[in-house]
Amino acid sequence: MAVFSPTNAKVHFKAYDGNFTDALGNTTITQNNDVSMSSTEKLFGQQSMYMADFDDSITFGTPSVFDVGDGDYTVGFWFHPTQFTSWDRLFCTDVYEWYNPLRIYNHNGSINVYVESNTDGTSNNDYMMGYSLDNLSGVNNWYHIMVRRDSGTTKLYINGVERGSSTMDYDLDNSSAPTLGADTNAGVTGVKGYIQDFFWTEDAISFTQADFTP
């Protein structure tokens, strides 16, 4: 199983190294509630980030790293869900409306991507695309989740395969308390499961499907 992280990443959280740090030193990381490292489920390396409860997560301490405006970006990570429930947040750059956040959910087993459209005149999070993990192997399996915007087109990839595409116009600005595993450091709308190898970059990156064959 390949570890896929771009060399031009702005944030690289290598949970498989067994510590809660940004390998690039561009942001601090705060552990929230009982998030921990575990060797029970892992793809590679020593351990994975484990979320036993819905409020377990980590928060990145330099929000501006995630502000790309209307430019290119890519975010990716390995995810092993231990259950499917409704509106479980995997990753978000901000929890509040009018702050132009990116939000990735695991909603009843569907990986859904939401942003705030620049053209609909509201501050509501707008659905872009989604794909059900039940179409693959369902709960208790590892998946590589990646969202990429390239020249205005956003695509969702799961296990190296394109699962959805959107040309919605949106900005990613005013990030505050970007969080992996839940919505905020006090939130309870997170996921239960494991995460390894999270990265964020301001470039649109590509890969081959072969990178994601166990």
C-alpha atoms as a PDB file:
ATOM      1  CA  MET A   1       0.000   0.000   0.000  1.00  0.00           C
ATOM      2  CA  ALA A   2       1.598   3.254  -1.097  1.00  0.00           C
ATOM      3  CA  VAL A   3       1.813   6.318   1.114  1.00  0.00           C
ATOM      4  CA  PHE A   4       0.602   9.113  -1.121  1.00  0.00           C
ATOM      5  CA  SER A   5       1.604  12.645  -0.117  1.00  0.00           C
ATOM      6  CA  PRO A   6       2.788  15.378  -2.493  1.00  0.00           C
ATOM      7  CA  THR A   7       6.214  16.914  -2.028  1.00  0.00           C
ATOM      8  CA  ASN A   8       4.680  20.405  -2.322  1.00  0.00           C
ATOM      9  CA  ALA A   9       2.205  19.952   0.544  1.00  0.00           C
ATOM     10  CA  LYS A  10       1.543  22.859   2.931  1.00  0.00           C
ATOM     11  CA  VAL A  11       0.359  20.506   5.704  1.00  0.00           C
ATOM     12  CA  HIS A  12       1.318  16.864   6.144  1.00  0.00           C
ATOM     13  CA  PHE A  13      -0.001  15.080   9.223  1.00  0.00           C
ATOM     14  CA  LYS A  14       1.686  11.687   9.194  1.00  0.00           C
ATOM     15  CA  ALA A  15      -0.341   9.779  11.777  1.00  0.00           C
ATOM     16  CA  TYR A  16       1.545   6.634  10.770  1.00  0.00           C
ATOM     17  CA  ASP A  17       4.616   8.108  12.496  1.00  0.00           C
ATOM     18  CA  GLY A  18       2.719   7.861  15.783  1.00  0.00           C
ATOM     19  CA  ASN A  19       2.680  11.538  16.784  1.00  0.00           C
ATOM     20  CA  PHE A  20       0.404  14.550  16.441  1.00  0.00           C
ATOM     21  CA  THR A  21       2.614  16.969  14.531  1.00  0.00           C
ATOM     22  CA  ASP A  22       2.739  18.588  11.116  1.00  0.00           C
ATOM     23  CA  ALA A  23       5.762  17.009   9.454  1.00  0.00           C
ATOM     24  CA  LEU A  24       6.416  20.268   7.564  1.00  0.00           C
ATOM     25  CA  GLY A  25       6.262  22.522  10.621  1.00  0.00           C
ATOM     26  CA  ASN A  26       3.778  24.942   9.030  1.00  0.00           C
ATOM     27  CA  THR A  27       1.097  24.575  11.706  1.00  0.00           C
ATOM     28  CA  THR A  28       0.640  23.394  15.252  1.00  0.00           C
ATOM     29  CA  ILE A  29      -1.797  20.568  15.978  1.00  0.00           C
ATOM     30  CA  THR A  30      -4.082  20.393  19.017  1.00  0.00           C
ATOM     31  CA  GLN A  31      -5.550  17.107  20.200  1.00  0.00           C
ATOM     32  CA  ASN A  32      -9.219  17.364  21.154  1.00  0.00           C
ATOM     33  CA  ASN A  33     -10.866  15.196  23.802  1.00  0.00           C
ATOM     34  CA  ASP A  34      -9.754  11.547  23.695  1.00  0.00           C
ATOM     35  CA  VAL A  35      -8.267  11.317  20.212  1.00  0.00           C
ATOM     36  CA  SER A  36      -5.300   8.965  20.328  1.00  0.00           C
ATOM     37  CA  MET A  37      -2.837   6.888  18.333  1.00  0.00           C
ATOM     38  CA  SER A  38      -3.638   3.222  17.807  1.00  0.00           C
ATOM     39  CA  SER A  39      -1.945   0.216  16.238  1.00  0.00           C
ATOM     40  CA  THR A  40      -5.207  -1.769  16.069  1.00  0.00           C
ATOM     41  CA  GLU A  41      -5.950  -0.630  12.515  1.00  0.00           C
ATOM     42  CA  LYS A  42      -3.199   0.738  10.284  1.00  0.00           C
ATOM     43  CA  LEU A  43      -2.133   0.531   6.663  1.00  0.00           C
ATOM     44  CA  PHE A  44       1.537   1.284   7.172  1.00  0.00           C
ATOM     45  CA  GLY A  45       3.941   2.707   9.719  1.00  0.00           C
ATOM     46  CA  GLN A  46       3.544   2.535  13.460  1.00  0.00           C
ATOM     47  CA  GLN A  47       0.016   3.733  14.229  1.00  0.00           C
ATOM     48  CA  SER A  48      -3.066   5.599  13.045  1.00  0.00           C
ATOM     49  CA  MET A  49      -5.138   8.438  14.484  1.00  0.00           C
ATOM     50  CA  TYR A  50      -8.055   6.849  16.368  1.00  0.00           C
ATOM     51  CA  MET A  51     -11.419   8.470  17.105  1.00  0.00           C
ATOM     52  CA  ALA A  52     -13.449   6.319  19.517  1.00  0.00           C
ATOM     53  CA  ASP A  53     -16.074   9.040  20.067  1.00  0.00           C
ATOM     54  CA  PHE A  54     -17.738  11.651  17.874  1.00  0.00           C
ATOM     55  CA  ASP A  55     -15.928  14.544  19.600  1.00  0.00           C
ATOM     56  CA  ASP A  56     -12.414  13.164  19.104  1.00  0.00           C
ATOM     57  CA  SER A  57     -10.444  15.204  16.578  1.00  0.00           C
ATOM     58  CA  ILE A  58      -7.407  17.368  15.923  1.00  0.00           C
ATOM     59  CA  THR A  59      -7.320  21.082  15.088  1.00  0.00           C
ATOM     60  CA  PHE A  60      -4.696  22.825  12.966  1.00  0.00           C
ATOM     61  CA  GLY A  61      -3.400  25.994  14.613  1.00  0.00           C
ATOM     62  CA  THR A  62      -2.576  28.044  11.484  1.00  0.00           C
ATOM     63  CA  PRO A  63      -5.925  28.471   9.707  1.00  0.00           C
ATOM     64  CA  SER A  64      -4.538  30.696   6.947  1.00  0.00           C
ATOM     65  CA  VAL A  65      -2.665  27.695   5.526  1.00  0.00           C
ATOM     66  CA  PHE A  66      -6.044  26.487   4.223  1.00  0.00           C
ATOM     67  CA  ASP A  67      -7.076  29.776   2.553  1.00  0.00           C
ATOM     68  CA  VAL A  68      -6.741  29.407  -1.210  1.00  0.00           C
ATOM     69  CA  GLY A  69      -9.470  31.758  -2.435  1.00  0.00           C
ATOM     70  CA  ASP A  70     -10.654  30.521  -5.824  1.00  0.00           C
ATOM     71  CA  GLY A  71      -7.348  28.810  -6.574  1.00  0.00           C
ATOM     72  CA  ASP A  72      -6.308  25.194  -6.915  1.00  0.00           C
ATOM     73  CA  TYR A  73      -5.965  22.893  -3.919  1.00  0.00           C
ATOM     74  CA  THR A  74      -5.873  19.214  -2.992  1.00  0.00           C
ATOM     75  CA  VAL A  75      -6.717  17.546   0.323  1.00  0.00           C
ATOM     76  CA  GLY A  76      -6.334  13.837   0.927  1.00  0.00           C
ATOM     77  CA  PHE A  77      -6.181  11.219   3.675  1.00  0.00           C
ATOM     78  CA  TRP A  78      -6.763   7.549   4.437  1.00  0.00           C
ATOM     79  CA  PHE A  79      -9.961   6.828   6.391  1.00  0.00           C
ATOM     80  CA  HIS A  80     -11.209   3.649   8.099  1.00  0.00           C
ATOM     81  CA  PRO A  81     -14.786   4.168   9.383  1.00  0.00           C
ATOM     82  CA  THR A  82     -16.012   1.908  12.157  1.00  0.00           C
ATOM     83  CA  GLN A  83     -19.659   2.916  11.746  1.00  0.00           C
ATOM     84  CA  PHE A  84     -21.931   4.895   9.446  1.00  0.00           C
ATOM     85  CA  THR A  85     -24.211   7.538  10.986  1.00  0.00           C
ATOM     86  CA  SER A  86     -25.673  10.811   9.738  1.00  0.00           C
ATOM     87  CA  TRP A  87     -23.746  14.018   9.052  1.00  0.00           C
ATOM     88  CA  ASP A  88     -20.448  12.891  10.524  1.00  0.00           C
ATOM     89  CA  ARG A  89     -17.807  15.471   9.634  1.00  0.00           C
ATOM     90  CA  LEU A  90     -14.481  14.177   8.421  1.00  0.00           C
ATOM     91  CA  PHE A  91     -12.762  17.487   7.740  1.00  0.00           C
ATOM     92  CA  CYS A  92     -13.762  21.142   7.680  1.00  0.00           C
ATOM     93  CA  THR A  93     -11.836  24.406   7.329  1.00  0.00           C
ATOM     94  CA  ASP A  94     -14.451  26.353   9.345  1.00  0.00           C
ATOM     95  CA  VAL A  95     -17.726  25.541  11.046  1.00  0.00           C
ATOM     96  CA  TYR A  96     -19.482  28.880  10.542  1.00  0.00           C
ATOM     97  CA  GLU A  97     -21.600  30.225   7.701  1.00  0.00           C
ATOM     98  CA  TRP A  98     -20.300  33.211   5.712  1.00  0.00           C
ATOM     99  CA  TYR A  99     -16.748  31.954   6.245  1.00  0.00           C
ATOM    100  CA  ASN A 100     -16.435  30.076   2.942  1.00  0.00           C
ATOM    101  CA  PRO A 101     -15.535  26.668   4.358  1.00  0.00           C
ATOM    102  CA  LEU A 102     -14.854  23.325   2.752  1.00  0.00           C
ATOM    103  CA  ARG A 103     -16.608  20.466   4.558  1.00  0.00           C
ATOM    104  CA  ILE A 104     -16.225  16.750   3.919  1.00  0.00           C
ATOM    105  CA  TYR A 105     -18.818  14.491   5.525  1.00  0.00           C
ATOM    106  CA  ASN A 106     -19.322  10.780   6.006  1.00  0.00           C
ATOM    107  CA  HIS A 107     -23.129  10.869   5.857  1.00  0.00           C
ATOM    108  CA  ASN A 108     -24.607   7.394   6.332  1.00  0.00           C
ATOM    109  CA  GLY A 109     -21.628   5.976   4.496  1.00  0.00           C
ATOM    110  CA  SER A 110     -21.612   8.541   1.679  1.00  0.00           C
ATOM    111  CA  ILE A 111     -18.550  10.787   1.360  1.00  0.00           C
ATOM    112  CA  ASN A 112     -20.172  14.169   0.645  1.00  0.00           C
ATOM    113  CA  VAL A 113     -18.396  17.419  -0.233  1.00  0.00           C
ATOM    114  CA  TYR A 114     -19.947  20.810   0.633  1.00  0.00           C
ATOM    115  CA  VAL A 115     -18.833  24.414   0.038  1.00  0.00           C
ATOM    116  CA  GLU A 116     -20.541  27.822  -0.068  1.00  0.00           C
ATOM    117  CA  SER A 117     -21.475  28.768  -3.635  1.00  0.00           C
ATOM    118  CA  ASN A 118     -20.598  32.275  -4.820  1.00  0.00           C
ATOM    119  CA  THR A 119     -23.604  32.430  -7.123  1.00  0.00           C
ATOM    120  CA  ASP A 120     -26.685  31.398  -5.147  1.00  0.00           C
ATOM    121  CA  GLY A 121     -26.805  34.461  -2.864  1.00  0.00           C
ATOM    122  CA  THR A 122     -26.895  32.505   0.408  1.00  0.00           C
ATOM    123  CA  SER A 123     -24.437  31.522   3.126  1.00  0.00           C
ATOM    124  CA  ASN A 124     -25.718  27.954   3.192  1.00  0.00           C
ATOM    125  CA  ASN A 125     -23.331  25.107   2.600  1.00  0.00           C
ATOM    126  CA  ASP A 126     -24.036  23.770  -0.875  1.00  0.00           C
ATOM    127  CA  TYR A 127     -23.727  20.117  -1.859  1.00  0.00           C
ATOM    128  CA  MET A 128     -21.217  19.509  -4.641  1.00  0.00           C
ATOM    129  CA  MET A 129     -20.847  15.759  -4.927  1.00  0.00           C
ATOM    130  CA  GLY A 130     -20.861  12.495  -3.031  1.00  0.00           C
ATOM    131  CA  TYR A 131     -20.267   8.777  -3.306  1.00  0.00           C
ATOM    132  CA  SER A 132     -21.420   5.906  -1.093  1.00  0.00           C
ATOM    133  CA  LEU A 133     -18.786   3.649   0.399  1.00  0.00           C
ATOM    134  CA  ASP A 134     -21.406   0.897   0.325  1.00  0.00           C
ATOM    135  CA  ASN A 135     -20.680   0.772  -3.417  1.00  0.00           C
ATOM    136  CA  LEU A 136     -17.191  -0.386  -2.481  1.00  0.00           C
ATOM    137  CA  SER A 137     -16.535  -2.403   0.693  1.00  0.00           C
ATOM    138  CA  GLY A 138     -18.726  -0.612   3.255  1.00  0.00           C
ATOM    139  CA  VAL A 139     -17.823  -0.073   6.890  1.00  0.00           C
ATOM    140  CA  ASN A 140     -14.610  -1.307   8.566  1.00  0.00           C
ATOM    141  CA  ASN A 141     -12.362  -0.907   5.540  1.00  0.00           C
ATOM    142  CA  TRP A 142      -9.655   1.565   4.522  1.00  0.00           C
ATOM    143  CA  TYR A 143     -10.355   4.186   1.841  1.00  0.00           C
ATOM    144  CA  HIS A 144      -8.257   6.956   0.370  1.00  0.00           C
ATOM    145  CA  ILE A 145     -10.342  10.150   0.195  1.00  0.00           C
ATOM    146  CA  MET A 146      -9.136  13.028  -1.961  1.00  0.00           C
ATOM    147  CA  VAL A 147     -10.758  16.292  -3.104  1.00  0.00           C
ATOM    148  CA  ARG A 148      -9.008  18.346  -5.784  1.00  0.00           C
ATOM    149  CA  ARG A 149      -9.822  21.612  -7.537  1.00  0.00           C
ATOM    150  CA  ASP A 150      -8.055  22.211 -10.834  1.00  0.00           C
ATOM    151  CA  SER A 151      -8.811  25.405 -12.812  1.00  0.00           C
ATOM    152  CA  GLY A 152     -12.303  25.708 -11.331  1.00  0.00           C
ATOM    153  CA  THR A 153     -13.327  22.055 -11.508  1.00  0.00           C
ATOM    154  CA  THR A 154     -13.550  20.158  -8.226  1.00  0.00           C
ATOM    155  CA  LYS A 155     -13.368  16.369  -8.197  1.00  0.00           C
ATOM    156  CA  LEU A 156     -13.806  13.706  -5.538  1.00  0.00           C
ATOM    157  CA  TYR A 157     -11.552  10.665  -5.698  1.00  0.00           C
ATOM    158  CA  ILE A 158     -11.919   7.532  -3.595  1.00  0.00           C
ATOM    159  CA  ASN A 159      -9.208   4.886  -3.821  1.00  0.00           C
ATOM    160  CA  GLY A 160      -7.685   6.725  -6.760  1.00  0.00           C
ATOM    161  CA  VAL A 161     -10.849   6.670  -8.875  1.00  0.00           C
ATOM    162  CA  GLU A 162     -12.884   9.776  -9.773  1.00  0.00           C
ATOM    163  CA  ARG A 163     -16.301   9.508  -8.089  1.00  0.00           C
ATOM    164  CA  GLY A 164     -17.764  12.958  -8.760  1.00  0.00           C
ATOM    165  CA  SER A 165     -17.114  16.329 -10.407  1.00  0.00           C
ATOM    166  CA  SER A 166     -18.436  19.892 -10.051  1.00  0.00           C
ATOM    167  CA  THR A 167     -17.780  23.300 -11.610  1.00  0.00           C
ATOM    168  CA  MET A 168     -19.438  25.194  -8.723  1.00  0.00           C
ATOM    169  CA  ASP A 169     -17.898  28.643  -8.132  1.00  0.00           C
ATOM    170  CA  TYR A 170     -16.668  29.064  -4.543  1.00  0.00           C
ATOM    171  CA  ASP A 171     -13.852  30.525  -2.459  1.00  0.00           C
ATOM    172  CA  LEU A 172     -12.034  28.990   0.502  1.00  0.00           C
ATOM    173  CA  ASP A 173     -11.281  31.899   2.833  1.00  0.00           C
ATOM    174  CA  ASN A 174     -11.434  32.984   6.474  1.00  0.00           C
ATOM    175  CA  SER A 175     -10.607  29.536   7.794  1.00  0.00           C
ATOM    176  CA  SER A 176     -10.878  29.177  11.554  1.00  0.00           C
ATOM    177  CA  ALA A 177      -9.973  26.115  13.606  1.00  0.00           C
ATOM    178  CA  PRO A 178      -9.625  23.705  10.653  1.00  0.00           C
ATOM    179  CA  THR A 179     -10.441  20.322  12.129  1.00  0.00           C
ATOM    180  CA  LEU A 180      -9.871  16.707  11.114  1.00  0.00           C
ATOM    181  CA  GLY A 181     -12.260  14.132  12.579  1.00  0.00           C
ATOM    182  CA  ALA A 182     -15.071  16.475  13.669  1.00  0.00           C
ATOM    183  CA  ASP A 183     -16.432  20.002  13.159  1.00  0.00           C
ATOM    184  CA  THR A 184     -14.759  21.976  15.979  1.00  0.00           C
ATOM    185  CA  ASN A 185     -12.692  21.153  19.021  1.00  0.00           C
ATOM    186  CA  ALA A 186     -15.900  21.130  21.067  1.00  0.00           C
ATOM    187  CA  GLY A 187     -18.115  19.510  18.460  1.00  0.00           C
ATOM    188  CA  VAL A 188     -19.742  16.117  18.617  1.00  0.00           C
ATOM    189  CA  THR A 189     -20.586  15.723  14.935  1.00  0.00           C
ATOM    190  CA  GLY A 190     -17.437  13.882  14.016  1.00  0.00           C
ATOM    191  CA  VAL A 191     -16.607  10.365  12.879  1.00  0.00           C
ATOM    192  CA  LYS A 192     -15.649   7.134  14.574  1.00  0.00           C
ATOM    193  CA  GLY A 193     -12.700   5.328  13.079  1.00  0.00           C
ATOM    194  CA  TYR A 194      -9.097   5.763  12.003  1.00  0.00           C
ATOM    195  CA  ILE A 195      -7.168   8.238   9.826  1.00  0.00           C
ATOM    196  CA  GLN A 196      -3.647   8.120   8.397  1.00  0.00           C
ATOM    197  CA  ASP A 197      -1.579  10.432   6.193  1.00  0.00           C
ATOM    198  CA  PHE A 198      -3.534  13.697   5.884  1.00  0.00           C
ATOM    199  CA  PHE A 199      -2.165  16.323   3.518  1.00  0.00           C
ATOM    200  CA  TRP A 200      -3.177  19.720   2.131  1.00  0.00           C
ATOM    201  CA  THR A 201      -1.568  21.517  -0.805  1.00  0.00           C
ATOM    202  CA  GLU A 202      -2.340  24.603  -2.884  1.00  0.00           C
ATOM    203  CA  ASP A 203      -1.815  22.680  -6.104  1.00  0.00           C
ATOM    204  CA  ALA A 204      -3.978  20.298  -8.093  1.00  0.00           C
ATOM    205  CA  ILE A 205      -2.148  16.992  -7.964  1.00  0.00           C
ATOM    206  CA  SER A 206      -2.762  13.746  -9.822  1.00  0.00           C
ATOM    207  CA  PHE A 207      -1.954  10.103  -9.355  1.00  0.00           C
ATOM    208  CA  THR A 208      -2.560   6.704 -10.843  1.00  0.00           C
ATOM    209  CA  GLN A 209      -5.047   4.160  -9.560  1.00  0.00           C
ATOM    210  CA  ALA A 210      -2.194   1.753  -8.916  1.00  0.00           C
ATOM    211  CA  ASP A 211      -1.164   3.844  -5.894  1.00  0.00           C
ATOM    212  CA  PHE A 212      -4.267   2.660  -4.072  1.00  0.00           C
ATOM    213  CA  THR A 213      -4.293  -1.096  -4.570  1.00  0.00           C
ATOM    214  CA  PRO A 214      -3.728  -2.895  -1.232  1.00  0.00           C
END
